[in-house]
Amino acid sequence: MLVLTRRVDESLVIGENIVVTILAIEGDKIKIGVTAPREIPVLRKELWDAMSAQNQIAERLATGPEPASFEELRQFLASEAEGESTPPESE
C-alpha cells in the first residue's frame, strides 16, 4: 500500500485520467473529490464488497442452485436487513 500525505486542495493522479483531490478535513473525517471518466466506476469499498458478495451468490445460483447456496443467500439478506454488510463465507 502506498501511503501519501496531502493537504487541503492538494491532489494525486492515478493513471492518466483519475485525479483524487483533498477537499476538506473536518475532525477525523476527510472529504475527497474524485475526477474520473464516466466509464470507470467509483464506489465506496463497503458497496463494492456487498456487490461482489451478491455477484458470487448469483453465479453459484446460476450454475446450479443447491441448498447451501440458498442458505447463504438467506443469511446474507438477513444480515443486510439487520444493517450488517458482511459477505457470506464461501467454501
PDB file of N, CA and C in Angstrom:
ATOM      1  N   MET A   1       0.841  -1.170   0.000  1.00  0.00           N
ATOM      2  CA  MET A   1       0.000   0.000   0.000  1.00  0.00           C
ATOM      3  C   MET A   1       0.889   1.236   0.000  1.00  0.00           C
ATOM      4  N   LEU A   2       0.554   2.153  -0.870  1.00  0.00           N
ATOM      5  CA  LEU A   2       1.245   3.435  -0.926  1.00  0.00           C
ATOM      6  C   LEU A   2       0.558   4.392   0.034  1.00  0.00           C
ATOM      7  N   VAL A   3       1.317   5.044   0.902  1.00  0.00           N
ATOM      8  CA  VAL A   3       0.758   5.995   1.856  1.00  0.00           C
ATOM      9  C   VAL A   3       1.312   7.367   1.513  1.00  0.00           C
ATOM     10  N   LEU A   4       0.409   8.329   1.289  1.00  0.00           N
ATOM     11  CA  LEU A   4       0.805   9.689   0.930  1.00  0.00           C
ATOM     12  C   LEU A   4       0.224  10.678   1.926  1.00  0.00           C
ATOM     13  N   THR A   5       0.898  11.789   2.109  1.00  0.00           N
ATOM     14  CA  THR A   5       0.384  12.875   2.922  1.00  0.00           C
ATOM     15  C   THR A   5      -0.030  13.992   1.982  1.00  0.00           C
ATOM     16  N   ARG A   6      -1.241  14.479   2.113  1.00  0.00           N
ATOM     17  CA  ARG A   6      -1.765  15.554   1.269  1.00  0.00           C
ATOM     18  C   ARG A   6      -2.467  16.558   2.165  1.00  0.00           C
ATOM     19  N   ARG A   7      -2.474  17.801   1.752  1.00  0.00           N
ATOM     20  CA  ARG A   7      -3.192  18.851   2.455  1.00  0.00           C
ATOM     21  C   ARG A   7      -4.418  19.231   1.625  1.00  0.00           C
ATOM     22  N   VAL A   8      -5.286  20.066   2.218  1.00  0.00           N
ATOM     23  CA  VAL A   8      -6.471  20.533   1.508  1.00  0.00           C
ATOM     24  C   VAL A   8      -6.050  21.201   0.190  1.00  0.00           C
ATOM     25  N   ASP A   9      -6.791  20.903  -0.855  1.00  0.00           N
ATOM     26  CA  ASP A   9      -6.580  21.400  -2.223  1.00  0.00           C
ATOM     27  C   ASP A   9      -5.386  20.753  -2.921  1.00  0.00           C
ATOM     28  N   GLU A  10      -4.756  19.754  -2.308  1.00  0.00           N
ATOM     29  CA  GLU A  10      -3.706  19.009  -2.991  1.00  0.00           C
ATOM     30  C   GLU A  10      -4.316  17.742  -3.580  1.00  0.00           C
ATOM     31  N   SER A  11      -3.717  17.238  -4.653  1.00  0.00           N
ATOM     32  CA  SER A  11      -4.274  16.099  -5.382  1.00  0.00           C
ATOM     33  C   SER A  11      -3.226  15.033  -5.606  1.00  0.00           C
ATOM     34  N   LEU A  12      -3.719  13.875  -6.063  1.00  0.00           N
ATOM     35  CA  LEU A  12      -2.842  12.841  -6.575  1.00  0.00           C
ATOM     36  C   LEU A  12      -3.485  12.307  -7.846  1.00  0.00           C
ATOM     37  N   VAL A  13      -2.659  11.804  -8.743  1.00  0.00           N
ATOM     38  CA  VAL A  13      -3.124  11.333 -10.044  1.00  0.00           C
ATOM     39  C   VAL A  13      -2.913   9.835 -10.120  1.00  0.00           C
ATOM     40  N   ILE A  14      -3.944   9.112 -10.572  1.00  0.00           N
ATOM     41  CA  ILE A  14      -3.876   7.663 -10.771  1.00  0.00           C
ATOM     42  C   ILE A  14      -4.000   7.417 -12.266  1.00  0.00           C
ATOM     43  N   GLY A  15      -2.994   6.774 -12.830  1.00  0.00           N
ATOM     44  CA  GLY A  15      -3.003   6.575 -14.276  1.00  0.00           C
ATOM     45  C   GLY A  15      -2.903   7.923 -14.966  1.00  0.00           C
ATOM     46  N   GLU A  16      -3.598   8.046 -16.086  1.00  0.00           N
ATOM     47  CA  GLU A  16      -3.552   9.305 -16.821  1.00  0.00           C
ATOM     48  C   GLU A  16      -4.813  10.136 -16.668  1.00  0.00           C
ATOM     49  N   ASN A  17      -5.882   9.531 -16.110  1.00  0.00           N
ATOM     50  CA  ASN A  17      -7.143  10.256 -16.151  1.00  0.00           C
ATOM     51  C   ASN A  17      -7.973  10.191 -14.871  1.00  0.00           C
ATOM     52  N   ILE A  18      -7.362   9.864 -13.743  1.00  0.00           N
ATOM     53  CA  ILE A  18      -8.082   9.865 -12.464  1.00  0.00           C
ATOM     54  C   ILE A  18      -7.333  10.790 -11.514  1.00  0.00           C
ATOM     55  N   VAL A  19      -8.048  11.775 -10.974  1.00  0.00           N
ATOM     56  CA  VAL A  19      -7.454  12.723 -10.039  1.00  0.00           C
ATOM     57  C   VAL A  19      -8.257  12.676  -8.740  1.00  0.00           C
ATOM     58  N   VAL A  20      -7.552  12.503  -7.632  1.00  0.00           N
ATOM     59  CA  VAL A  20      -8.167  12.495  -6.304  1.00  0.00           C
ATOM     60  C   VAL A  20      -7.676  13.748  -5.586  1.00  0.00           C
ATOM     61  N   THR A  21      -8.628  14.585  -5.136  1.00  0.00           N
ATOM     62  CA  THR A  21      -8.289  15.852  -4.503  1.00  0.00           C
ATOM     63  C   THR A  21      -8.843  15.888  -3.082  1.00  0.00           C
ATOM     64  N   ILE A  22      -8.044  16.361  -2.144  1.00  0.00           N
ATOM     65  CA  ILE A  22      -8.498  16.556  -0.768  1.00  0.00           C
ATOM     66  C   ILE A  22      -9.278  17.871  -0.729  1.00  0.00           C
ATOM     67  N   LEU A  23     -10.562  17.808  -0.395  1.00  0.00           N
ATOM     68  CA  LEU A  23     -11.415  18.992  -0.394  1.00  0.00           C
ATOM     69  C   LEU A  23     -11.496  19.653   0.980  1.00  0.00           C
ATOM     70  N   ALA A  24     -11.552  18.834   2.031  1.00  0.00           N
ATOM     71  CA  ALA A  24     -11.675  19.389   3.380  1.00  0.00           C
ATOM     72  C   ALA A  24     -11.260  18.341   4.399  1.00  0.00           C
ATOM     73  N   ILE A  25     -10.810  18.818   5.542  1.00  0.00           N
ATOM     74  CA  ILE A  25     -10.516  17.950   6.682  1.00  0.00           C
ATOM     75  C   ILE A  25     -11.317  18.502   7.844  1.00  0.00           C
ATOM     76  N   GLU A  26     -12.238  17.677   8.353  1.00  0.00           N
ATOM     77  CA  GLU A  26     -13.119  18.110   9.432  1.00  0.00           C
ATOM     78  C   GLU A  26     -13.046  17.090  10.556  1.00  0.00           C
ATOM     79  N   GLY A  27     -12.236  17.368  11.553  1.00  0.00           N
ATOM     80  CA  GLY A  27     -12.060  16.430  12.663  1.00  0.00           C
ATOM     81  C   GLY A  27     -11.382  15.168  12.169  1.00  0.00           C
ATOM     82  N   ASP A  28     -12.061  14.018  12.362  1.00  0.00           N
ATOM     83  CA  ASP A  28     -11.472  12.752  11.933  1.00  0.00           C
ATOM     84  C   ASP A  28     -11.992  12.318  10.562  1.00  0.00           C
ATOM     85  N   LYS A  29     -12.643  13.219   9.831  1.00  0.00           N
ATOM     86  CA  LYS A  29     -13.164  12.896   8.501  1.00  0.00           C
ATOM     87  C   LYS A  29     -12.477  13.747   7.443  1.00  0.00           C
ATOM     88  N   ILE A  30     -12.258  13.131   6.302  1.00  0.00           N
ATOM     89  CA  ILE A  30     -11.637  13.811   5.172  1.00  0.00           C
ATOM     90  C   ILE A  30     -12.600  13.747   4.004  1.00  0.00           C
ATOM     91  N   LYS A  31     -12.869  14.876   3.379  1.00  0.00           N
ATOM     92  CA  LYS A  31     -13.704  14.900   2.175  1.00  0.00           C
ATOM     93  C   LYS A  31     -12.777  14.893   0.972  1.00  0.00           C
ATOM     94  N   ILE A  32     -13.030  13.939   0.075  1.00  0.00           N
ATOM     95  CA  ILE A  32     -12.214  13.855  -1.127  1.00  0.00           C
ATOM     96  C   ILE A  32     -13.109  13.984  -2.351  1.00  0.00           C
ATOM     97  N   GLY A  33     -12.530  14.467  -3.412  1.00  0.00           N
ATOM     98  CA  GLY A  33     -13.215  14.542  -4.698  1.00  0.00           C
ATOM     99  C   GLY A  33     -12.469  13.660  -5.682  1.00  0.00           C
ATOM    100  N   VAL A  34     -13.202  12.947  -6.505  1.00  0.00           N
ATOM    101  CA  VAL A  34     -12.594  12.069  -7.496  1.00  0.00           C
ATOM    102  C   VAL A  34     -13.069  12.502  -8.874  1.00  0.00           C
ATOM    103  N   THR A  35     -12.115  12.789  -9.752  1.00  0.00           N
ATOM    104  CA  THR A  35     -12.419  13.109 -11.133  1.00  0.00           C
ATOM    105  C   THR A  35     -11.948  11.921 -11.961  1.00  0.00           C
ATOM    106  N   ALA A  36     -12.903  11.276 -12.644  1.00  0.00           N
ATOM    107  CA  ALA A  36     -12.586  10.090 -13.438  1.00  0.00           C
ATOM    108  C   ALA A  36     -13.553  10.025 -14.613  1.00  0.00           C
ATOM    109  N   PRO A  37     -13.171   9.333 -15.683  1.00  0.00           N
ATOM    110  CA  PRO A  37     -14.102   9.153 -16.798  1.00  0.00           C
ATOM    111  C   PRO A  37     -15.356   8.422 -16.324  1.00  0.00           C
ATOM    112  N   ARG A  38     -16.491   8.719 -16.937  1.00  0.00           N
ATOM    113  CA  ARG A  38     -17.768   8.109 -16.532  1.00  0.00           C
ATOM    114  C   ARG A  38     -17.759   6.590 -16.635  1.00  0.00           C
ATOM    115  N   GLU A  39     -16.980   6.029 -17.538  1.00  0.00           N
ATOM    116  CA  GLU A  39     -16.966   4.571 -17.708  1.00  0.00           C
ATOM    117  C   GLU A  39     -16.193   3.845 -16.608  1.00  0.00           C
ATOM    118  N   ILE A  40     -15.531   4.588 -15.738  1.00  0.00           N
ATOM    119  CA  ILE A  40     -14.806   3.982 -14.619  1.00  0.00           C
ATOM    120  C   ILE A  40     -15.656   4.132 -13.364  1.00  0.00           C
ATOM    121  N   PRO A  41     -16.125   3.010 -12.787  1.00  0.00           N
ATOM    122  CA  PRO A  41     -16.943   3.126 -11.584  1.00  0.00           C
ATOM    123  C   PRO A  41     -16.100   3.566 -10.384  1.00  0.00           C
ATOM    124  N   VAL A  42     -16.652   4.463  -9.593  1.00  0.00           N
ATOM    125  CA  VAL A  42     -16.014   4.912  -8.356  1.00  0.00           C
ATOM    126  C   VAL A  42     -17.017   4.640  -7.248  1.00  0.00           C
ATOM    127  N   LEU A  43     -16.708   3.672  -6.381  1.00  0.00           N
ATOM    128  CA  LEU A  43     -17.623   3.239  -5.326  1.00  0.00           C
ATOM    129  C   LEU A  43     -16.924   3.216  -3.981  1.00  0.00           C
ATOM    130  N   ARG A  44     -17.716   3.394  -2.910  1.00  0.00           N
ATOM    131  CA  ARG A  44     -17.174   3.165  -1.569  1.00  0.00           C
ATOM    132  C   ARG A  44     -16.897   1.672  -1.435  1.00  0.00           C
ATOM    133  N   LYS A  45     -15.876   1.315  -0.666  1.00  0.00           N
ATOM    134  CA  LYS A  45     -15.471  -0.083  -0.554  1.00  0.00           C
ATOM    135  C   LYS A  45     -16.585  -0.965  -0.007  1.00  0.00           C
ATOM    136  N   GLU A  46     -17.363  -0.478   0.964  1.00  0.00           N
ATOM    137  CA  GLU A  46     -18.421  -1.323   1.518  1.00  0.00           C
ATOM    138  C   GLU A  46     -19.485  -1.646   0.467  1.00  0.00           C
ATOM    139  N   LEU A  47     -19.741  -0.734  -0.470  1.00  0.00           N
ATOM    140  CA  LEU A  47     -20.674  -1.035  -1.562  1.00  0.00           C
ATOM    141  C   LEU A  47     -20.074  -2.046  -2.529  1.00  0.00           C
ATOM    142  N   TRP A  48     -18.792  -1.874  -2.830  1.00  0.00           N
ATOM    143  CA  TRP A  48     -18.101  -2.803  -3.713  1.00  0.00           C
ATOM    144  C   TRP A  48     -18.120  -4.216  -3.115  1.00  0.00           C
ATOM    145  N   ASP A  49     -17.850  -4.327  -1.815  1.00  0.00           N
ATOM    146  CA  ASP A  49     -17.861  -5.632  -1.145  1.00  0.00           C
ATOM    147  C   ASP A  49     -19.247  -6.273  -1.203  1.00  0.00           C
ATOM    148  N   ALA A  50     -20.297  -5.485  -0.957  1.00  0.00           N
ATOM    149  CA  ALA A  50     -21.661  -6.016  -0.988  1.00  0.00           C
ATOM    150  C   ALA A  50     -22.024  -6.483  -2.398  1.00  0.00           C
ATOM    151  N   MET A  51     -21.652  -5.697  -3.399  1.00  0.00           N
ATOM    152  CA  MET A  51     -21.936  -6.091  -4.785  1.00  0.00           C
ATOM    153  C   MET A  51     -21.192  -7.366  -5.153  1.00  0.00           C
ATOM    154  N   SER A  52     -19.953  -7.478  -4.732  1.00  0.00           N
ATOM    155  CA  SER A  52     -19.165  -8.680  -5.022  1.00  0.00           C
ATOM    156  C   SER A  52     -19.795  -9.910  -4.379  1.00  0.00           C
ATOM    157  N   ALA A  53     -20.249  -9.771  -3.129  1.00  0.00           N
ATOM    158  CA  ALA A  53     -20.892 -10.894  -2.431  1.00  0.00           C
ATOM    159  C   ALA A  53     -22.172 -11.300  -3.151  1.00  0.00           C
ATOM    160  N   GLN A  54     -22.963 -10.333  -3.574  1.00  0.00           N
ATOM    161  CA  GLN A  54     -24.197 -10.638  -4.299  1.00  0.00           C
ATOM    162  C   GLN A  54     -23.899 -11.314  -5.626  1.00  0.00           C
ATOM    163  N   ASN A  55     -22.862 -10.851  -6.324  1.00  0.00           N
ATOM    164  CA  ASN A  55     -22.485 -11.465  -7.608  1.00  0.00           C
ATOM    165  C   ASN A  55     -22.019 -12.905  -7.427  1.00  0.00           C
ATOM    166  N   GLN A  56     -21.271 -13.173  -6.355  1.00  0.00           N
ATOM    167  CA  GLN A  56     -20.823 -14.545  -6.088  1.00  0.00           C
ATOM    168  C   GLN A  56     -22.008 -15.466  -5.843  1.00  0.00           C
ATOM    169  N   ILE A  57     -22.968 -14.995  -5.072  1.00  0.00           N
ATOM    170  CA  ILE A  57     -24.153 -15.808  -4.802  1.00  0.00           C
ATOM    171  C   ILE A  57     -24.938 -16.025  -6.090  1.00  0.00           C
ATOM    172  N   ALA A  58     -25.094 -14.980  -6.890  1.00  0.00           N
ATOM    173  CA  ALA A  58     -25.827 -15.104  -8.163  1.00  0.00           C
ATOM    174  C   ALA A  58     -25.150 -16.103  -9.094  1.00  0.00           C
ATOM    175  N   GLU A  59     -23.826 -16.079  -9.164  1.00  0.00           N
ATOM    176  CA  GLU A  59     -23.086 -17.033 -10.007  1.00  0.00           C
ATOM    177  C   GLU A  59     -23.311 -18.461  -9.527  1.00  0.00           C
ATOM    178  N   ARG A  60     -23.259 -18.650  -8.214  1.00  0.00           N
ATOM    179  CA  ARG A  60     -23.468 -20.003  -7.676  1.00  0.00           C
ATOM    180  C   ARG A  60     -24.875 -20.495  -7.963  1.00  0.00           C
ATOM    181  N   LEU A  61     -25.875 -19.606  -7.829  1.00  0.00           N
ATOM    182  CA  LEU A  61     -27.250 -19.996  -8.110  1.00  0.00           C
ATOM    183  C   LEU A  61     -27.463 -20.269  -9.593  1.00  0.00           C
ATOM    184  N   ALA A  62     -26.772 -19.539 -10.460  1.00  0.00           N
ATOM    185  CA  ALA A  62     -26.921 -19.724 -11.906  1.00  0.00           C
ATOM    186  C   ALA A  62     -26.316 -21.039 -12.378  1.00  0.00           C
ATOM    187  N   THR A  63     -25.279 -21.513 -11.696  1.00  0.00           N
ATOM    188  CA  THR A  63     -24.627 -22.747 -12.115  1.00  0.00           C
ATOM    189  C   THR A  63     -25.332 -23.987 -11.588  1.00  0.00           C
ATOM    190  N   GLY A  64     -26.233 -23.826 -10.707  1.00  0.00           N
ATOM    191  CA  GLY A  64     -26.978 -24.975 -10.181  1.00  0.00           C
ATOM    192  C   GLY A  64     -27.333 -24.725  -8.742  1.00  0.00           C
ATOM    193  N   PRO A  65     -28.544 -24.300  -8.511  1.00  0.00           N
ATOM    194  CA  PRO A  65     -28.915 -23.971  -7.138  1.00  0.00           C
ATOM    195  C   PRO A  65     -28.915 -25.205  -6.246  1.00  0.00           C
ATOM    196  N   GLU A  66     -28.092 -25.168  -5.242  1.00  0.00           N
ATOM    197  CA  GLU A  66     -28.081 -26.240  -4.252  1.00  0.00           C
ATOM    198  C   GLU A  66     -28.505 -25.637  -2.921  1.00  0.00           C
ATOM    199  N   PRO A  67     -28.955 -26.430  -2.000  1.00  0.00           N
ATOM    200  CA  PRO A  67     -29.461 -25.911  -0.721  1.00  0.00           C
ATOM    201  C   PRO A  67     -28.480 -24.977  -0.009  1.00  0.00           C
ATOM    202  N   ALA A  68     -27.185 -25.245  -0.099  1.00  0.00           N
ATOM    203  CA  ALA A  68     -26.203 -24.390   0.587  1.00  0.00           C
ATOM    204  C   ALA A  68     -26.236 -22.971   0.017  1.00  0.00           C
ATOM    205  N   SER A  69     -26.403 -22.837  -1.286  1.00  0.00           N
ATOM    206  CA  SER A  69     -26.453 -21.508  -1.898  1.00  0.00           C
ATOM    207  C   SER A  69     -27.662 -20.725  -1.400  1.00  0.00           C
ATOM    208  N   PHE A  70     -28.808 -21.406  -1.305  1.00  0.00           N
ATOM    209  CA  PHE A  70     -29.999 -20.728  -0.816  1.00  0.00           C
ATOM    210  C   PHE A  70     -29.822 -20.309   0.637  1.00  0.00           C
ATOM    211  N   GLU A  71     -29.181 -21.140   1.428  1.00  0.00           N
ATOM    212  CA  GLU A  71     -28.960 -20.801   2.835  1.00  0.00           C
ATOM    213  C   GLU A  71     -28.027 -19.595   2.937  1.00  0.00           C
ATOM    214  N   GLU A  72     -26.960 -19.553   2.119  1.00  0.00           N
ATOM    215  CA  GLU A  72     -26.061 -18.400   2.117  1.00  0.00           C
ATOM    216  C   GLU A  72     -26.815 -17.140   1.729  1.00  0.00           C
ATOM    217  N   LEU A  73     -27.689 -17.241   0.730  1.00  0.00           N
ATOM    218  CA  LEU A  73     -28.474 -16.093   0.303  1.00  0.00           C
ATOM    219  C   LEU A  73     -29.382 -15.616   1.437  1.00  0.00           C
ATOM    220  N   ARG A  74     -30.039 -16.548   2.127  1.00  0.00           N
ATOM    221  CA  ARG A  74     -30.894 -16.187   3.255  1.00  0.00           C
ATOM    222  C   ARG A  74     -30.093 -15.462   4.345  1.00  0.00           C
ATOM    223  N   GLN A  75     -28.907 -15.991   4.665  1.00  0.00           N
ATOM    224  CA  GLN A  75     -28.073 -15.379   5.702  1.00  0.00           C
ATOM    225  C   GLN A  75     -27.617 -13.985   5.282  1.00  0.00           C
ATOM    226  N   PHE A  76     -27.222 -13.859   4.024  1.00  0.00           N
ATOM    227  CA  PHE A  76     -26.751 -12.563   3.524  1.00  0.00           C
ATOM    228  C   PHE A  76     -27.878 -11.533   3.578  1.00  0.00           C
ATOM    229  N   LEU A  77     -29.064 -11.908   3.106  1.00  0.00           N
ATOM    230  CA  LEU A  77     -30.196 -10.982   3.115  1.00  0.00           C
ATOM    231  C   LEU A  77     -30.604 -10.627   4.544  1.00  0.00           C
ATOM    232  N   ALA A  78     -30.532 -11.596   5.445  1.00  0.00           N
ATOM    233  CA  ALA A  78     -30.857 -11.323   6.846  1.00  0.00           C
ATOM    234  C   ALA A  78     -29.847 -10.344   7.449  1.00  0.00           C
ATOM    235  N   SER A  79     -28.565 -10.511   7.146  1.00  0.00           N
ATOM    236  CA  SER A  79     -27.551  -9.603   7.685  1.00  0.00           C
ATOM    237  C   SER A  79     -27.716  -8.212   7.093  1.00  0.00           C
ATOM    238  N   GLU A  80     -28.108  -8.108   5.822  1.00  0.00           N
ATOM    239  CA  GLU A  80     -28.362  -6.808   5.203  1.00  0.00           C
ATOM    240  C   GLU A  80     -29.534  -6.117   5.898  1.00  0.00           C
ATOM    241  N   ALA A  81     -30.563  -6.894   6.222  1.00  0.00           N
ATOM    242  CA  ALA A  81     -31.746  -6.332   6.873  1.00  0.00           C
ATOM    243  C   ALA A  81     -31.411  -5.827   8.277  1.00  0.00           C
ATOM    244  N   GLU A  82     -30.435  -6.446   8.923  1.00  0.00           N
ATOM    245  CA  GLU A  82     -30.021  -6.036  10.269  1.00  0.00           C
ATOM    246  C   GLU A  82     -28.995  -4.922  10.242  1.00  0.00           C
ATOM    247  N   GLY A  83     -28.567  -4.505   9.031  1.00  0.00           N
ATOM    248  CA  GLY A  83     -27.600  -3.414   8.928  1.00  0.00           C
ATOM    249  C   GLY A  83     -26.166  -3.866   8.811  1.00  0.00           C
ATOM    250  N   GLU A  84     -25.921  -5.146   8.760  1.00  0.00           N
ATOM    251  CA  GLU A  84     -24.576  -5.661   8.593  1.00  0.00           C
ATOM    252  C   GLU A  84     -24.321  -5.810   7.102  1.00  0.00           C
ATOM    253  N   SER A  85     -23.078  -5.616   6.669  1.00  0.00           N
ATOM    254  CA  SER A  85     -22.771  -5.844   5.253  1.00  0.00           C
ATOM    255  C   SER A  85     -21.626  -6.814   5.101  1.00  0.00           C
ATOM    256  N   THR A  86     -21.594  -7.816   5.971  1.00  0.00           N
ATOM    257  CA  THR A  86     -20.563  -8.833   5.919  1.00  0.00           C
ATOM    258  C   THR A  86     -20.955  -9.896   4.898  1.00  0.00           C
ATOM    259  N   PRO A  87     -20.118 -10.103   3.859  1.00  0.00           N
ATOM    260  CA  PRO A  87     -20.479 -11.123   2.865  1.00  0.00           C
ATOM    261  C   PRO A  87     -20.425 -12.516   3.473  1.00  0.00           C
ATOM    262  N   PRO A  88     -21.229 -13.432   2.962  1.00  0.00           N
ATOM    263  CA  PRO A  88     -21.213 -14.794   3.487  1.00  0.00           C
ATOM    264  C   PRO A  88     -19.897 -15.477   3.189  1.00  0.00           C
ATOM    265  N   GLU A  89     -19.544 -16.431   4.041  1.00  0.00           N
ATOM    266  CA  GLU A  89     -18.316 -17.174   3.814  1.00  0.00           C
ATOM    267  C   GLU A  89     -18.528 -18.165   2.687  1.00  0.00           C
ATOM    268  N   SER A  90     -17.517 -18.269   1.799  1.00  0.00           N
ATOM    269  CA  SER A  90     -17.626 -19.269   0.722  1.00  0.00           C
ATOM    270  C   SER A  90     -16.729 -20.444   1.024  1.00  0.00           C
ATOM    271  N   GLU A  91     -17.083 -21.545   0.410  1.00  0.00           N
ATOM    272  CA  GLU A  91     -16.344 -22.778   0.656  1.00  0.00           C
ATOM    273  C   GLU A  91     -15.050 -22.787  -0.108  1.00  0.00           C
TER     274      GLU A  91
END
